[in-house]
Amino acid sequence: MQKYLESFINSFQGTLNWTWKSIIFDVPWYTNYFWGLIAISLVVWLLEIAFPWRKEQAIFRKDFWLDTFYMFFNFFIFAIVISGVYQILGLLFAEFNVTAKTFALFDISQWNPFVQLFVFFIILDFVQWFTHVLLHKYPFLWKFHKVHHSVKEMGFAAHLRYHWMENILYKPLKTFGVMIIGGFEPEQAYIVHFITIAIGHLNHSNMKITWGPLKYIFNNPVMHLYHHASVLPEGKSGVNYGISLSLWDYIFKTDYIPEDSGKIEIGFEGDDKFPKDFIHQNLYGFRKGQT
């Protein structure tokens, strides 16, 4: 028990210290996700202001500041709080002889660095796509995912507005994805992380971007707006599940873009009764009888 407690404390303190060092620029720039997130957010926000899709939407749209708080909470505060728990889980797996290479299908550690990044990006994006499908398919997961779909006006910060329980599901599956490719992240994985943040921000932004023929590969704001549509095709629990890539939706026939005016209503049935503040939104999924 002592080693688990020490491991928890050390991991918690380590994540806290790393975050503080990031804030004061005491880490390499390419691993400084704190200021990197701020820089990407400012760039996408300025692009939204300069090239708005829904021109009637205010610069400080509905729930702008709530979504901004979610952005920092989910990216940093939650990571600090939960870091020790993940460290303990790692120790437990080790005791059962489950290592980073247990589920490895292939080892990419000796491959060309660019190929490593490409495979890393593809596998993690598919794992996130599949996880996203589960969040819509199963009611006990959907009630947590409702936080993200309670957004009523789309903007870049809506990207990271989600219930912290989603991290509990995403993190192990993403870790499993890493284990599949040999149990490690490529040395230049920070490139993938920054790219996915930028794509996620753009997908939720108030800009009309389709990427032309590349729309069949990369997700985009038009496609993702319909993921948030309050009225879905009959018999569908969700559409356009893509995170960075739209590819999976076209392969598995979950794509849906009937038009591109940007005027559709977003949300879900009964969202007018959904809590409007951070605390009650994050308590919602734990209440009995909620669906």
Protein backbone atom coordinates (compact mmCIF):
# COMPACT_ATOMS: atom_id res chain seq x y z
CA MET A 1 0.00 0.00 0.00
CA GLN A 2 2.89 2.33 0.84
CA LYS A 3 4.36 2.09 -2.65
CA TYR A 4 1.01 2.91 -4.23
CA LEU A 5 0.60 5.96 -2.02
CA GLU A 6 4.12 7.17 -2.79
CA SER A 7 3.57 6.53 -6.49
CA PHE A 8 0.32 8.52 -6.42
CA ILE A 9 1.93 11.46 -4.63
CA ASN A 10 5.01 11.48 -6.87
CA SER A 11 2.96 11.35 -10.05
CA PHE A 12 0.59 14.07 -8.83
CA GLN A 13 3.46 16.33 -7.85
CA GLY A 14 5.30 15.60 -11.08
CA THR A 15 2.32 16.55 -13.25
CA LEU A 16 1.69 19.66 -11.14
CA ASN A 17 5.34 20.72 -11.39
CA TRP A 18 5.43 20.09 -15.14
CA THR A 19 2.32 22.22 -15.64
CA TRP A 20 3.83 25.04 -13.57
CA LYS A 21 7.10 24.81 -15.49
CA SER A 22 5.09 25.01 -18.71
CA ILE A 23 3.40 28.20 -17.51
CA ILE A 24 6.74 29.86 -16.71
CA PHE A 25 8.37 28.60 -19.96
CA ASP A 26 10.72 26.24 -18.14
CA VAL A 27 10.13 23.28 -20.50
CA PRO A 28 11.12 22.75 -24.15
CA TRP A 29 8.78 24.73 -26.41
CA TYR A 30 7.64 21.64 -28.28
CA THR A 31 6.29 20.04 -25.09
CA ASN A 32 4.71 23.24 -23.76
CA TYR A 33 1.07 22.32 -24.26
CA PHE A 34 -0.12 25.10 -21.96
CA TRP A 35 1.06 27.97 -24.14
CA GLY A 36 0.66 25.86 -27.25
CA LEU A 37 -3.05 25.49 -26.49
CA ILE A 38 -3.35 29.24 -25.91
CA ALA A 39 -1.52 30.06 -29.15
CA ILE A 40 -3.61 27.68 -31.26
CA SER A 41 -6.81 28.94 -29.62
CA LEU A 42 -5.98 32.58 -30.32
CA VAL A 43 -5.10 31.87 -33.96
CA VAL A 44 -8.33 29.93 -34.62
CA TRP A 45 -10.41 32.51 -32.74
CA LEU A 46 -8.94 35.34 -34.81
CA LEU A 47 -9.69 33.36 -37.98
CA GLU A 48 -13.28 32.90 -36.75
CA ILE A 49 -13.58 36.66 -36.27
CA ALA A 50 -12.05 37.42 -39.68
CA PHE A 51 -13.94 34.74 -41.66
CA PRO A 52 -17.18 33.91 -39.79
CA TRP A 53 -19.48 31.29 -41.30
CA ARG A 54 -22.52 32.30 -39.24
CA LYS A 55 -22.08 36.06 -39.43
CA GLU A 56 -24.84 36.78 -36.92
CA GLN A 57 -22.98 34.83 -34.21
CA ALA A 58 -21.32 37.06 -31.63
CA ILE A 59 -17.55 37.06 -31.18
CA PHE A 60 -18.15 36.13 -27.54
CA ARG A 61 -20.76 33.54 -28.43
CA LYS A 62 -23.12 31.81 -26.03
CA ASP A 63 -21.14 29.95 -23.31
CA PHE A 64 -17.81 31.26 -24.63
CA TRP A 65 -16.32 31.63 -21.15
CA LEU A 66 -17.77 28.34 -19.88
CA ASP A 67 -16.17 26.52 -22.80
CA THR A 68 -12.88 28.32 -22.20
CA PHE A 69 -12.90 27.10 -18.60
CA TYR A 70 -13.65 23.55 -19.79
CA MET A 71 -10.72 23.82 -22.18
CA PHE A 72 -8.21 24.45 -19.41
CA PHE A 73 -9.90 22.17 -16.91
CA ASN A 74 -9.91 19.13 -19.17
CA PHE A 75 -6.45 19.73 -20.60
CA PHE A 76 -4.60 20.55 -17.37
CA ILE A 77 -6.52 20.52 -14.08
CA PHE A 78 -8.06 17.09 -14.61
CA ALA A 79 -4.72 15.71 -15.81
CA ILE A 80 -3.08 16.88 -12.59
CA VAL A 81 -5.79 15.41 -10.36
CA ILE A 82 -6.00 12.02 -12.07
CA SER A 83 -2.29 11.51 -12.82
CA GLY A 84 -1.64 9.58 -9.61
CA VAL A 85 -4.53 7.20 -10.29
CA TYR A 86 -3.12 6.28 -13.70
CA GLN A 87 0.26 5.66 -12.11
CA ILE A 88 -1.30 3.23 -9.62
CA LEU A 89 -3.09 1.42 -12.46
CA GLY A 90 0.25 1.09 -14.21
CA LEU A 91 1.71 -0.60 -11.14
CA LEU A 92 -1.25 -2.97 -10.91
CA PHE A 93 -0.88 -3.98 -14.54
CA ALA A 94 2.82 -4.59 -13.96
CA GLU A 95 2.01 -6.98 -11.12
CA PHE A 96 -0.09 -9.04 -13.55
CA ASN A 97 2.80 -9.00 -16.05
CA VAL A 98 0.92 -6.72 -18.42
CA THR A 99 3.61 -4.58 -20.04
CA ALA A 100 3.66 -1.99 -22.80
CA LYS A 101 4.42 -4.75 -25.32
CA THR A 102 1.83 -7.28 -24.16
CA PHE A 103 -0.66 -6.42 -26.91
CA ALA A 104 1.83 -5.20 -29.49
CA LEU A 105 0.89 -6.22 -33.03
CA PHE A 106 4.08 -4.70 -34.40
CA ASP A 107 6.98 -2.59 -33.19
CA ILE A 108 7.50 0.71 -35.02
CA SER A 109 10.42 1.88 -32.89
CA GLN A 110 12.96 1.18 -35.66
CA TRP A 111 10.88 2.64 -38.48
CA ASN A 112 11.50 5.95 -40.20
CA PRO A 113 10.42 8.77 -37.81
CA PHE A 114 7.89 10.15 -40.29
CA VAL A 115 6.34 6.71 -40.76
CA GLN A 116 6.21 6.31 -36.97
CA LEU A 117 4.30 9.58 -36.65
CA PHE A 118 1.92 8.62 -39.44
CA VAL A 119 1.08 5.20 -37.95
CA PHE A 120 0.78 6.71 -34.46
CA PHE A 121 -1.64 9.35 -35.75
CA ILE A 122 -3.78 6.88 -37.73
CA ILE A 123 -4.15 4.31 -34.95
CA LEU A 124 -4.89 6.85 -32.22
CA ASP A 125 -7.44 8.61 -34.40
CA PHE A 126 -9.24 5.34 -35.14
CA VAL A 127 -9.28 4.44 -31.43
CA GLN A 128 -10.81 7.85 -30.66
CA TRP A 129 -13.35 7.47 -33.48
CA PHE A 130 -14.40 4.06 -32.10
CA THR A 131 -14.60 5.45 -28.55
CA HIS A 132 -16.75 8.31 -29.83
CA VAL A 133 -19.15 5.81 -31.39
CA LEU A 134 -19.47 4.07 -28.01
CA LEU A 135 -20.28 7.39 -26.31
CA HIS A 136 -23.31 7.74 -28.58
CA LYS A 137 -24.36 4.10 -28.72
CA TYR A 138 -24.67 3.30 -25.01
CA PRO A 139 -27.03 5.37 -22.82
CA PHE A 140 -24.85 5.21 -19.70
CA LEU A 141 -22.00 6.78 -21.71
CA TRP A 142 -24.23 9.17 -23.65
CA LYS A 143 -25.45 10.87 -20.49
CA PHE A 144 -21.85 12.01 -19.85
CA HIS A 145 -21.26 12.89 -23.50
CA LYS A 146 -24.32 15.15 -23.37
CA VAL A 147 -22.10 17.81 -21.82
CA HIS A 148 -20.28 18.18 -25.12
CA HIS A 149 -23.52 18.18 -27.11
CA SER A 150 -25.12 20.80 -24.87
CA VAL A 151 -23.23 23.45 -26.89
CA LYS A 152 -25.81 25.68 -28.61
CA GLU A 153 -23.42 27.85 -30.65
CA MET A 154 -20.29 26.37 -32.15
CA GLY A 155 -16.87 27.91 -31.62
CA PHE A 156 -13.28 26.71 -31.23
CA ALA A 157 -13.44 26.29 -27.43
CA ALA A 158 -16.37 23.85 -27.73
CA HIS A 159 -13.72 21.35 -28.82
CA LEU A 160 -12.68 20.68 -25.22
CA ARG A 161 -16.05 21.10 -23.54
CA TYR A 162 -16.70 17.58 -22.33
CA HIS A 163 -17.35 15.68 -19.11
CA TRP A 164 -14.20 14.55 -17.31
CA MET A 165 -15.56 10.97 -17.33
CA GLU A 166 -14.80 10.86 -21.04
CA ASN A 167 -11.11 11.01 -20.14
CA ILE A 168 -11.62 7.92 -17.99
CA LEU A 169 -12.79 6.05 -21.08
CA TYR A 170 -10.53 7.64 -23.71
CA LYS A 171 -7.27 7.36 -21.79
CA PRO A 172 -7.14 3.53 -21.39
CA LEU A 173 -8.23 2.97 -24.99
CA LYS A 174 -5.65 5.45 -26.30
CA THR A 175 -3.04 3.71 -24.16
CA PHE A 176 -4.13 0.40 -25.69
CA GLY A 177 -3.67 1.98 -29.11
CA VAL A 178 -0.11 2.93 -28.19
CA MET A 179 0.53 -0.60 -26.91
CA ILE A 180 -0.54 -2.01 -30.28
CA ILE A 181 2.34 -0.21 -32.04
CA GLY A 182 5.00 -1.45 -29.65
CA GLY A 183 4.15 0.37 -26.46
CA PHE A 184 5.72 3.76 -27.02
CA GLU A 185 5.02 7.21 -28.44
CA PRO A 186 7.35 8.41 -31.21
CA GLU A 187 9.92 10.97 -30.12
CA GLN A 188 8.19 13.60 -32.27
CA ALA A 189 4.69 12.74 -30.98
CA TYR A 190 4.28 16.37 -29.91
CA ILE A 191 3.76 17.18 -33.61
CA VAL A 192 0.71 14.88 -33.71
CA HIS A 193 -0.64 16.28 -30.44
CA PHE A 194 -0.45 19.89 -31.66
CA ILE A 195 -1.96 18.95 -35.03
CA THR A 196 -4.91 17.20 -33.40
CA ILE A 197 -5.55 20.20 -31.13
CA ALA A 198 -5.56 22.50 -34.15
CA ILE A 199 -7.85 20.23 -36.20
CA GLY A 200 -10.23 19.83 -33.26
CA HIS A 201 -10.41 23.60 -32.77
CA LEU A 202 -11.05 24.14 -36.49
CA ASN A 203 -13.76 21.46 -36.57
CA HIS A 204 -15.70 23.27 -33.86
CA SER A 205 -15.01 26.75 -35.18
CA ASN A 206 -17.41 29.21 -36.78
CA MET A 207 -15.72 28.86 -40.17
CA LYS A 208 -16.86 27.15 -43.34
CA ILE A 209 -13.96 24.85 -44.20
CA THR A 210 -14.40 21.69 -46.28
CA TRP A 211 -10.82 21.01 -47.53
CA GLY A 212 -12.09 20.31 -51.09
CA PRO A 213 -11.36 16.70 -52.18
CA LEU A 214 -9.53 16.16 -48.89
CA LYS A 215 -12.90 16.25 -47.09
CA TYR A 216 -12.97 12.47 -47.51
CA ILE A 217 -9.84 12.26 -45.37
CA PHE A 218 -9.95 15.17 -42.91
CA ASN A 219 -12.81 16.15 -40.65
CA ASN A 220 -14.12 19.69 -41.09
CA PRO A 221 -16.51 22.23 -39.48
CA VAL A 222 -19.35 21.54 -41.93
CA MET A 223 -19.23 17.81 -41.30
CA HIS A 224 -18.86 18.21 -37.56
CA LEU A 225 -21.72 20.68 -37.28
CA TYR A 226 -24.03 17.88 -38.41
CA HIS A 227 -22.55 15.66 -35.73
CA HIS A 228 -24.02 18.17 -33.27
CA ALA A 229 -27.38 18.49 -35.08
CA SER A 230 -30.39 18.24 -32.79
CA VAL A 231 -32.30 16.27 -35.45
CA LEU A 232 -30.53 13.17 -36.74
CA PRO A 233 -31.45 10.78 -39.56
CA GLU A 234 -34.09 8.27 -38.49
CA GLY A 235 -32.66 5.30 -36.66
CA LYS A 236 -29.27 6.93 -36.07
CA SER A 237 -27.82 7.60 -32.61
CA GLY A 238 -25.13 9.74 -34.20
CA VAL A 239 -23.32 10.65 -37.41
CA ASN A 240 -19.93 12.06 -38.41
CA TYR A 241 -18.01 10.67 -35.44
CA GLY A 242 -14.62 11.66 -36.87
CA ILE A 243 -12.08 13.31 -34.58
CA SER A 244 -9.27 14.44 -36.90
CA LEU A 245 -10.11 12.18 -39.83
CA SER A 246 -13.42 11.85 -41.67
CA LEU A 247 -12.05 8.73 -43.34
CA TRP A 248 -13.59 6.33 -40.81
CA ASP A 249 -17.08 7.79 -41.29
CA TYR A 250 -16.92 7.28 -45.05
CA ILE A 251 -15.56 3.75 -44.62
CA PHE A 252 -18.18 2.70 -42.05
CA LYS A 253 -21.06 4.66 -43.65
CA THR A 254 -21.66 7.03 -40.75
CA ASP A 255 -21.14 10.17 -42.86
CA TYR A 256 -24.02 12.66 -43.24
CA ILE A 257 -23.91 16.15 -44.82
CA PRO A 258 -27.29 16.98 -46.42
CA GLU A 259 -26.48 20.71 -46.89
CA ASP A 260 -23.95 23.30 -45.79
CA SER A 261 -25.79 26.48 -44.82
CA GLY A 262 -24.64 26.31 -41.21
CA LYS A 263 -28.11 27.33 -40.05
CA ILE A 264 -29.16 24.09 -38.39
CA GLU A 265 -30.12 23.82 -34.72
CA ILE A 266 -27.59 21.96 -32.62
CA GLY A 267 -27.99 20.17 -29.30
CA PHE A 268 -30.27 17.30 -28.34
CA GLU A 269 -33.89 16.73 -27.41
CA GLY A 270 -34.60 18.23 -24.00
CA ASP A 271 -31.37 20.24 -23.84
CA ASP A 272 -33.35 23.24 -22.63
CA LYS A 273 -33.59 21.42 -19.29
CA PHE A 274 -29.91 20.47 -19.23
CA PRO A 275 -27.84 22.26 -16.53
CA LYS A 276 -26.16 25.46 -17.68
CA ASP A 277 -23.24 25.62 -15.23
CA PHE A 278 -20.06 23.59 -14.92
CA ILE A 279 -20.80 21.96 -11.55
CA HIS A 280 -24.30 20.71 -12.35
CA GLN A 281 -23.32 19.61 -15.85
CA ASN A 282 -20.65 17.40 -14.34
CA LEU A 283 -23.03 15.98 -11.73
CA TYR A 284 -25.76 15.26 -14.30
CA GLY A 285 -24.45 11.91 -15.50
CA PHE A 286 -24.25 10.48 -11.99
CA ARG A 287 -27.89 11.13 -11.14
CA LYS A 288 -30.25 8.18 -11.22
CA GLY A 289 -32.88 8.27 -13.90
CA GLN A 290 -30.90 10.50 -16.25
CA THR A 291 -30.61 9.29 -19.84
